[in-house]
Amino acid sequence: MRFTALIPCCLALLNACSMMKEQKKFDARSQGTITDAAFTQTKRQEPIHPEWLKPSPKPYTLGPGDKLEIEIIGETGTRADTFVTPDSKLYFDLLPGIDVKGKPTTQLREEMEKMLTRYYKQPQVSVTLREVSSQRVWVLGRVNSPGIYPLNRPMRVLDAVTQAGGLFASSFTGTTEELADLSHSFLMRGGKMLPVDFQKLIREGDMSQNIYIEPDDFIYLPSSMTNEIYVLGAVTEPRPVGFMNEMNLITALGRGLGIRPEADLTHVTIVRGSLTEPKIATVNARDIIQGKATNVRLEPGDIVYVPGSGSMSPGGFLRDAVNTFTRLVAANEGNSAGAPNATPIGLNLNIGPSSPTQ
């Protein structure tokens, strides 16, 4: 019984030793690096769709937290302020709870008039939306008032940034140049980064990038003072790691706390620069580890993405790397906005075979 109880401890110790050996193996080949020669400039993979530059034709639909003023016209004492409850129900007068989720106010009014015919003769109902809470936009990062804001009117990217107080300015220089990293800023919708170029929009005034916001869009403008790289994909602990002087690819992989069994080390992807038009290098890390190829020097802000086996499309590597990066950042920043003391989240996303539809 004592011997059996020791087995898990022994296995854990062996795994730890194996990881330490792998770390030393990585660090041992840190010399002899190459820099920008390994990278190629990419072009914008996806255009700004014309419909993104127009306000949504869809009417506002109700959800939890929305405040309404409702009145039966001509019936004294029926005016009331009411809220949509967390279970998307609305209560008014003699009516039971009405499910209003996803319904515009016009549809709600029609339904209420039909239901109120039990108690009133030809009732006419007035429904006015007084306060929006269910539809919102996230604006986080280097803005003066980062937070979650109600989407109570048609709003574009610059409107959302302005609502959050604008870009945070340095108290020493009065500028935002060194505070917001526009090349790594992004807008995420439905778990996917849209190709909005914040550098062109904010610094160059390119209004073709100023698209309309939709509910639950996530805008993030990181700090340019952050000195990190991101090790993502098929590694044991995907996460940002602090940048060190003369840091290279193999050192970074070692700081990802190990490689997962399904990792494809022959197609490790490094993404550098703007998220919309980045430089990319796809290198054979296995050859570097074995001393058959030259290491690659990294820079602050680089994304190191280890794909899973079966991922063979370079275009897919770039797409998966950027999507995984934006999801990781959005998850951690959104988590912190809702719970400031929350533990950072690690993500293992899109490490399987690439799909052209992702």
Protein backbone atom coordinates (compact mmCIF):
# COMPACT_ATOMS: atom_id res chain seq x y z
CA MET A 1 0.00 0.00 0.00
CA ARG A 2 2.84 2.41 0.85
CA PHE A 3 4.62 1.55 -2.41
CA THR A 4 1.41 2.10 -4.42
CA ALA A 5 0.84 5.49 -2.79
CA LEU A 6 4.34 6.59 -3.86
CA ILE A 7 3.75 5.90 -7.58
CA PRO A 8 1.97 9.22 -8.39
CA CYS A 9 4.70 11.18 -6.61
CA CYS A 10 7.42 9.37 -8.56
CA LEU A 11 5.67 9.99 -11.86
CA ALA A 12 5.31 13.68 -11.08
CA LEU A 13 9.02 13.88 -10.20
CA LEU A 14 10.00 12.14 -13.45
CA ASN A 15 7.85 14.55 -15.47
CA ALA A 16 9.42 17.53 -13.72
CA CYS A 17 12.92 16.22 -14.43
CA SER A 18 12.02 15.63 -18.06
CA MET A 19 10.77 19.20 -18.39
CA MET A 20 13.95 20.56 -16.79
CA LYS A 21 16.08 18.56 -19.24
CA GLU A 22 14.01 19.86 -22.15
CA GLN A 23 14.42 23.42 -20.86
CA LYS A 24 18.21 23.00 -20.68
CA LYS A 25 18.19 21.50 -24.17
CA PHE A 26 16.37 24.57 -25.46
CA ASP A 27 18.62 27.06 -23.69
CA ALA A 28 21.80 25.28 -24.79
CA ARG A 29 21.31 26.36 -28.41
CA SER A 30 20.65 30.06 -27.88
CA GLN A 31 23.67 31.38 -29.74
CA GLY A 32 23.95 32.23 -33.44
CA THR A 33 20.63 33.95 -34.17
CA ILE A 34 19.22 35.61 -37.28
CA THR A 35 16.82 38.54 -37.26
CA ASP A 36 14.54 40.15 -39.90
CA ALA A 37 16.05 38.10 -42.74
CA ALA A 38 13.71 35.23 -41.80
CA PHE A 39 10.54 37.35 -42.09
CA THR A 40 8.36 38.17 -45.08
CA GLN A 41 5.81 41.00 -45.25
CA THR A 42 2.21 39.91 -45.69
CA LYS A 43 -0.67 41.80 -47.30
CA ARG A 44 -4.08 42.41 -45.78
CA GLN A 45 -5.88 39.05 -45.91
CA GLU A 46 -9.43 40.42 -45.57
CA PRO A 47 -10.89 43.76 -46.68
CA ILE A 48 -13.23 46.04 -44.77
CA HIS A 49 -16.69 44.99 -45.97
CA PRO A 50 -18.83 47.92 -47.22
CA GLU A 51 -21.76 46.88 -45.00
CA TRP A 52 -19.57 47.39 -41.91
CA LEU A 53 -19.47 51.11 -42.74
CA LYS A 54 -23.27 51.41 -42.54
CA PRO A 55 -25.43 51.33 -39.41
CA SER A 56 -27.23 48.05 -38.88
CA PRO A 57 -30.73 48.03 -40.41
CA LYS A 58 -31.90 45.72 -37.63
CA PRO A 59 -34.08 47.32 -34.91
CA TYR A 60 -32.91 47.31 -31.31
CA THR A 61 -33.98 44.13 -29.53
CA LEU A 62 -34.64 43.93 -25.81
CA GLY A 63 -32.65 42.04 -23.21
CA PRO A 64 -31.99 41.81 -19.45
CA GLY A 65 -31.50 45.12 -17.66
CA ASP A 66 -33.20 47.33 -20.25
CA LYS A 67 -35.46 49.99 -18.69
CA LEU A 68 -38.84 50.70 -20.29
CA GLU A 69 -41.63 53.19 -19.70
CA ILE A 70 -45.00 51.59 -20.45
CA GLU A 71 -48.49 53.12 -20.39
CA ILE A 72 -51.97 52.18 -21.52
CA ILE A 73 -53.03 55.35 -23.30
CA GLY A 74 -56.14 56.89 -21.78
CA GLU A 75 -56.06 54.71 -18.66
CA THR A 76 -55.16 56.76 -15.56
CA GLY A 77 -52.50 55.34 -13.27
CA THR A 78 -51.10 52.78 -15.75
CA ARG A 79 -47.82 54.55 -16.54
CA ALA A 80 -44.94 52.60 -15.05
CA ASP A 81 -41.15 52.28 -15.28
CA THR A 82 -40.10 48.65 -15.45
CA PHE A 83 -36.99 46.58 -16.16
CA VAL A 84 -36.39 43.43 -18.15
CA THR A 85 -35.49 40.82 -15.54
CA PRO A 86 -32.37 38.61 -15.74
CA ASP A 87 -34.49 35.81 -17.22
CA SER A 88 -35.66 38.20 -19.99
CA LYS A 89 -39.15 38.66 -18.57
CA LEU A 90 -41.18 41.87 -18.37
CA TYR A 91 -43.97 42.48 -15.85
CA PHE A 92 -46.66 45.15 -16.30
CA ASP A 93 -50.13 45.78 -14.90
CA LEU A 94 -52.21 42.56 -14.71
CA LEU A 95 -50.13 40.66 -17.25
CA PRO A 96 -47.99 37.64 -16.36
CA GLY A 97 -44.28 37.72 -17.17
CA ILE A 98 -43.75 38.33 -20.89
CA ASP A 99 -40.65 36.84 -22.54
CA VAL A 100 -39.09 39.79 -24.41
CA LYS A 101 -35.63 38.45 -25.31
CA GLY A 102 -34.70 39.38 -28.86
CA LYS A 103 -37.91 41.32 -29.49
CA PRO A 104 -38.06 44.95 -30.69
CA THR A 105 -40.32 47.37 -28.81
CA THR A 106 -42.84 47.37 -31.69
CA GLN A 107 -43.36 43.62 -31.36
CA LEU A 108 -43.64 43.90 -27.57
CA ARG A 109 -46.29 46.63 -27.91
CA GLU A 110 -48.38 44.51 -30.29
CA GLU A 111 -48.20 41.46 -28.03
CA MET A 112 -49.15 43.49 -24.95
CA GLU A 113 -52.16 45.03 -26.68
CA LYS A 114 -53.45 41.56 -27.56
CA MET A 115 -52.94 40.24 -24.03
CA LEU A 116 -54.51 43.29 -22.39
CA THR A 117 -57.79 42.83 -24.29
CA ARG A 118 -58.73 40.46 -21.44
CA TYR A 119 -58.87 43.43 -19.08
CA TYR A 120 -59.35 46.55 -21.26
CA LYS A 121 -61.45 47.45 -24.27
CA GLN A 122 -59.26 48.12 -27.33
CA PRO A 123 -56.14 48.98 -25.30
CA GLN A 124 -53.45 51.11 -26.93
CA VAL A 125 -50.04 50.67 -25.36
CA SER A 126 -47.11 53.09 -25.41
CA VAL A 127 -43.68 51.42 -25.00
CA THR A 128 -40.63 53.69 -24.67
CA LEU A 129 -37.07 52.42 -24.20
CA ARG A 130 -35.54 54.64 -21.52
CA GLU A 131 -32.23 52.96 -20.73
CA VAL A 132 -30.12 50.37 -22.55
CA SER A 133 -28.21 47.76 -20.55
CA SER A 134 -28.41 44.50 -22.48
CA GLN A 135 -26.40 45.63 -25.51
CA ARG A 136 -22.91 46.85 -24.80
CA VAL A 137 -19.42 47.31 -26.16
CA TRP A 138 -16.09 46.60 -24.41
CA VAL A 139 -13.41 49.31 -24.70
CA LEU A 140 -10.29 48.35 -22.75
CA GLY A 141 -6.59 49.15 -22.64
CA ARG A 142 -4.89 52.55 -22.86
CA VAL A 143 -7.98 54.74 -22.81
CA ASN A 144 -8.85 57.21 -20.05
CA SER A 145 -11.89 55.29 -18.81
CA PRO A 146 -11.68 51.63 -19.86
CA GLY A 147 -14.88 49.70 -19.30
CA ILE A 148 -18.09 48.24 -20.66
CA TYR A 149 -20.41 50.78 -22.25
CA PRO A 150 -24.07 50.60 -23.32
CA LEU A 151 -24.64 50.51 -27.06
CA ASN A 152 -27.62 52.84 -26.96
CA ARG A 153 -27.23 54.39 -30.41
CA PRO A 154 -25.48 53.70 -33.73
CA MET A 155 -21.81 53.92 -32.85
CA ARG A 156 -18.56 53.59 -34.76
CA VAL A 157 -15.07 52.66 -33.54
CA LEU A 158 -13.98 56.25 -32.89
CA ASP A 159 -17.27 56.95 -31.10
CA ALA A 160 -16.60 54.03 -28.76
CA VAL A 161 -13.03 55.17 -28.06
CA THR A 162 -14.29 58.71 -27.41
CA GLN A 163 -16.98 57.41 -25.04
CA ALA A 164 -14.18 55.70 -23.08
CA GLY A 165 -12.45 59.06 -22.67
CA GLY A 166 -10.12 58.83 -25.67
CA LEU A 167 -6.58 57.50 -25.70
CA PHE A 168 -4.69 57.85 -22.45
CA ALA A 169 -2.23 60.75 -22.63
CA SER A 170 1.14 60.98 -20.94
CA SER A 171 1.25 63.45 -18.07
CA PHE A 172 4.82 64.32 -19.11
CA THR A 173 4.47 64.88 -22.86
CA GLY A 174 0.71 65.28 -23.31
CA THR A 175 0.78 62.78 -26.18
CA THR A 176 -0.42 59.21 -26.68
CA GLU A 177 2.43 58.12 -28.96
CA GLU A 178 4.29 56.04 -26.37
CA LEU A 179 1.22 54.77 -24.52
CA ALA A 180 -1.09 53.05 -27.02
CA ASP A 181 0.32 50.33 -29.26
CA LEU A 182 -1.92 50.88 -32.29
CA SER A 183 -0.20 48.18 -34.34
CA HIS A 184 -1.40 45.53 -31.84
CA SER A 185 -4.81 47.11 -31.17
CA PHE A 186 -7.78 45.10 -32.39
CA LEU A 187 -11.55 44.79 -32.60
CA MET A 188 -13.01 41.34 -31.98
CA ARG A 189 -16.52 40.29 -32.99
CA GLY A 190 -17.98 36.86 -32.37
CA GLY A 191 -14.56 35.44 -31.39
CA LYS A 192 -12.86 36.69 -34.56
CA MET A 193 -10.63 39.71 -35.14
CA LEU A 194 -11.96 42.12 -37.76
CA PRO A 195 -9.34 43.74 -40.07
CA VAL A 196 -9.57 47.24 -38.57
CA ASP A 197 -6.21 48.99 -38.81
CA PHE A 198 -6.05 51.24 -35.73
CA GLN A 199 -2.78 52.77 -36.91
CA LYS A 200 -4.42 54.03 -40.10
CA LEU A 201 -7.65 55.01 -38.34
CA ILE A 202 -6.27 56.98 -35.37
CA ARG A 203 -2.87 58.18 -36.54
CA GLU A 204 -3.60 58.69 -40.26
CA GLY A 205 -7.32 59.54 -40.09
CA ASP A 206 -8.37 56.81 -42.54
CA MET A 207 -12.17 56.78 -42.08
CA SER A 208 -12.50 53.61 -44.18
CA GLN A 209 -11.43 51.81 -40.98
CA ASN A 210 -14.12 53.48 -38.84
CA ILE A 211 -16.72 50.69 -38.96
CA TYR A 212 -19.98 50.53 -37.00
CA ILE A 213 -19.97 48.70 -33.68
CA GLU A 214 -22.27 45.75 -32.97
CA PRO A 215 -23.39 44.41 -29.56
CA ASP A 216 -20.62 42.67 -27.58
CA ASP A 217 -17.81 43.95 -29.82
CA PHE A 218 -14.48 44.00 -27.98
CA ILE A 219 -12.01 46.85 -28.61
CA TYR A 220 -8.56 46.64 -27.05
CA LEU A 221 -5.72 49.16 -27.30
CA PRO A 222 -2.68 47.73 -25.49
CA SER A 223 0.16 49.68 -23.97
CA SER A 224 3.24 50.24 -26.08
CA MET A 225 5.30 49.96 -22.90
CA THR A 226 4.52 46.25 -22.49
CA ASN A 227 7.71 44.23 -22.85
CA GLU A 228 6.34 40.77 -23.62
CA ILE A 229 6.13 38.10 -26.27
CA TYR A 230 3.33 35.55 -26.59
CA VAL A 231 3.97 31.79 -26.75
CA LEU A 232 0.76 30.16 -27.97
CA GLY A 233 -0.69 27.03 -29.56
CA ALA A 234 0.43 23.50 -28.78
CA VAL A 235 2.49 24.35 -25.70
CA THR A 236 1.80 23.25 -22.14
CA GLU A 237 0.99 26.74 -20.88
CA PRO A 238 0.12 29.30 -23.60
CA ARG A 239 0.80 32.74 -22.17
CA PRO A 240 2.69 36.02 -22.45
CA VAL A 241 6.26 35.84 -21.18
CA GLY A 242 8.57 38.69 -20.24
CA PHE A 243 11.03 39.66 -22.94
CA MET A 244 14.73 39.36 -22.14
CA ASN A 245 17.68 40.87 -23.98
CA GLU A 246 18.80 38.77 -26.94
CA MET A 247 15.77 36.48 -26.57
CA ASN A 248 15.39 33.87 -29.29
CA LEU A 249 12.83 31.35 -30.47
CA ILE A 250 14.12 28.31 -28.59
CA THR A 251 14.43 30.22 -25.32
CA ALA A 252 10.84 31.38 -25.75
CA LEU A 253 9.59 27.84 -26.39
CA GLY A 254 11.36 26.71 -23.25
CA ARG A 255 9.53 29.38 -21.27
CA GLY A 256 6.21 28.03 -22.58
CA LEU A 257 6.78 25.22 -20.01
CA GLY A 258 7.00 22.41 -22.53
CA ILE A 259 5.67 21.29 -25.89
CA ARG A 260 2.50 19.22 -26.22
CA PRO A 261 2.68 15.81 -27.95
CA GLU A 262 0.65 16.99 -30.98
CA ALA A 263 2.94 19.98 -31.63
CA ASP A 264 4.33 20.45 -35.13
CA LEU A 265 7.77 21.90 -34.43
CA THR A 266 8.64 21.97 -38.14
CA HIS A 267 6.20 24.83 -38.81
CA VAL A 268 6.53 27.17 -35.82
CA THR A 269 5.17 30.58 -36.84
CA ILE A 270 6.45 33.94 -35.62
CA VAL A 271 4.20 36.96 -36.20
CA ARG A 272 5.75 40.42 -35.93
CA GLY A 273 4.43 43.97 -36.30
CA SER A 274 0.92 45.08 -37.24
CA LEU A 275 -1.84 42.53 -36.71
CA THR A 276 -3.51 43.53 -39.98
CA GLU A 277 -0.38 43.40 -42.18
CA PRO A 278 2.27 41.56 -40.14
CA LYS A 279 5.63 40.13 -41.01
CA ILE A 280 5.72 36.36 -40.67
CA ALA A 281 8.38 33.69 -40.37
CA THR A 282 7.63 29.95 -40.45
CA VAL A 283 10.67 28.08 -39.16
CA ASN A 284 11.69 24.51 -38.37
CA ALA A 285 12.28 24.65 -34.62
CA ARG A 286 13.14 20.95 -34.54
CA ASP A 287 16.17 21.58 -36.77
CA ILE A 288 17.20 24.52 -34.56
CA ILE A 289 16.97 22.36 -31.43
CA GLN A 290 19.11 19.69 -33.12
CA GLY A 291 21.69 22.26 -34.23
CA LYS A 292 20.87 21.90 -37.95
CA ALA A 293 19.51 25.44 -38.44
CA THR A 294 20.14 28.94 -37.15
CA ASN A 295 18.05 30.27 -34.28
CA VAL A 296 15.72 33.26 -34.74
CA ARG A 297 16.05 36.36 -32.55
CA LEU A 298 12.75 37.70 -31.18
CA GLU A 299 11.51 41.22 -30.51
CA PRO A 300 9.02 42.56 -27.93
CA GLY A 301 5.46 42.01 -29.13
CA ASP A 302 6.27 38.94 -31.24
CA ILE A 303 3.71 36.13 -31.32
CA VAL A 304 5.20 32.63 -31.33
CA TYR A 305 2.62 30.09 -32.47
CA VAL A 306 3.18 26.31 -32.39
CA PRO A 307 0.61 24.59 -34.64
CA GLY A 308 -0.76 21.11 -34.12
CA SER A 309 0.20 18.27 -36.42
CA GLY A 310 -1.69 18.27 -39.71
CA SER A 311 -1.70 22.08 -40.08
CA MET A 312 0.01 22.62 -43.41
CA SER A 313 -1.19 25.98 -44.78
CA PRO A 314 1.09 29.00 -44.11
CA GLY A 315 -1.96 31.25 -44.50
CA GLY A 316 -3.70 29.10 -41.90
CA PHE A 317 -0.75 29.44 -39.52
CA LEU A 318 -0.94 33.23 -39.67
CA ARG A 319 -4.72 33.29 -39.24
CA ASP A 320 -4.62 30.84 -36.33
CA ALA A 321 -1.77 32.69 -34.62
CA VAL A 322 -3.54 36.08 -34.77
CA ASN A 323 -6.93 34.63 -33.77
CA THR A 324 -5.39 32.75 -30.83
CA PHE A 325 -3.52 35.88 -29.71
CA THR A 326 -6.62 38.10 -29.82
CA ARG A 327 -8.76 35.51 -28.01
CA LEU A 328 -6.18 35.11 -25.26
CA VAL A 329 -5.87 38.86 -24.75
CA ALA A 330 -9.64 39.41 -24.91
CA ALA A 331 -10.27 36.60 -22.43
CA ASN A 332 -7.72 37.90 -19.92
CA GLU A 333 -8.56 41.60 -20.28
CA GLY A 334 -12.31 40.95 -20.22
CA ASN A 335 -11.87 38.69 -17.21
CA SER A 336 -9.88 41.40 -15.42
CA ALA A 337 -12.49 44.05 -16.26
CA GLY A 338 -15.19 41.94 -14.65
CA ALA A 339 -13.07 40.65 -11.77
CA PRO A 340 -9.85 42.67 -11.16
CA ASN A 341 -8.21 39.91 -9.06
CA ALA A 342 -9.04 37.08 -11.47
CA THR A 343 -6.39 34.53 -12.43
CA PRO A 344 -5.05 34.96 -16.01
CA ILE A 345 -6.51 32.56 -18.55
CA GLY A 346 -4.49 30.33 -20.88
CA LEU A 347 -5.91 29.23 -24.21
CA ASN A 348 -5.17 26.31 -26.50
CA LEU A 349 -7.10 27.25 -29.62
CA ASN A 350 -6.91 26.24 -33.30
CA ILE A 351 -3.98 23.89 -32.90
CA GLY A 352 -5.50 21.21 -35.10
CA PRO A 353 -5.67 21.11 -38.91
CA SER A 354 -6.33 24.51 -40.42
CA SER A 355 -9.69 25.19 -42.01
CA PRO A 356 -10.10 27.78 -44.76
CA THR A 357 -13.42 28.79 -43.27
CA GLN A 358 -12.07 29.76 -39.83
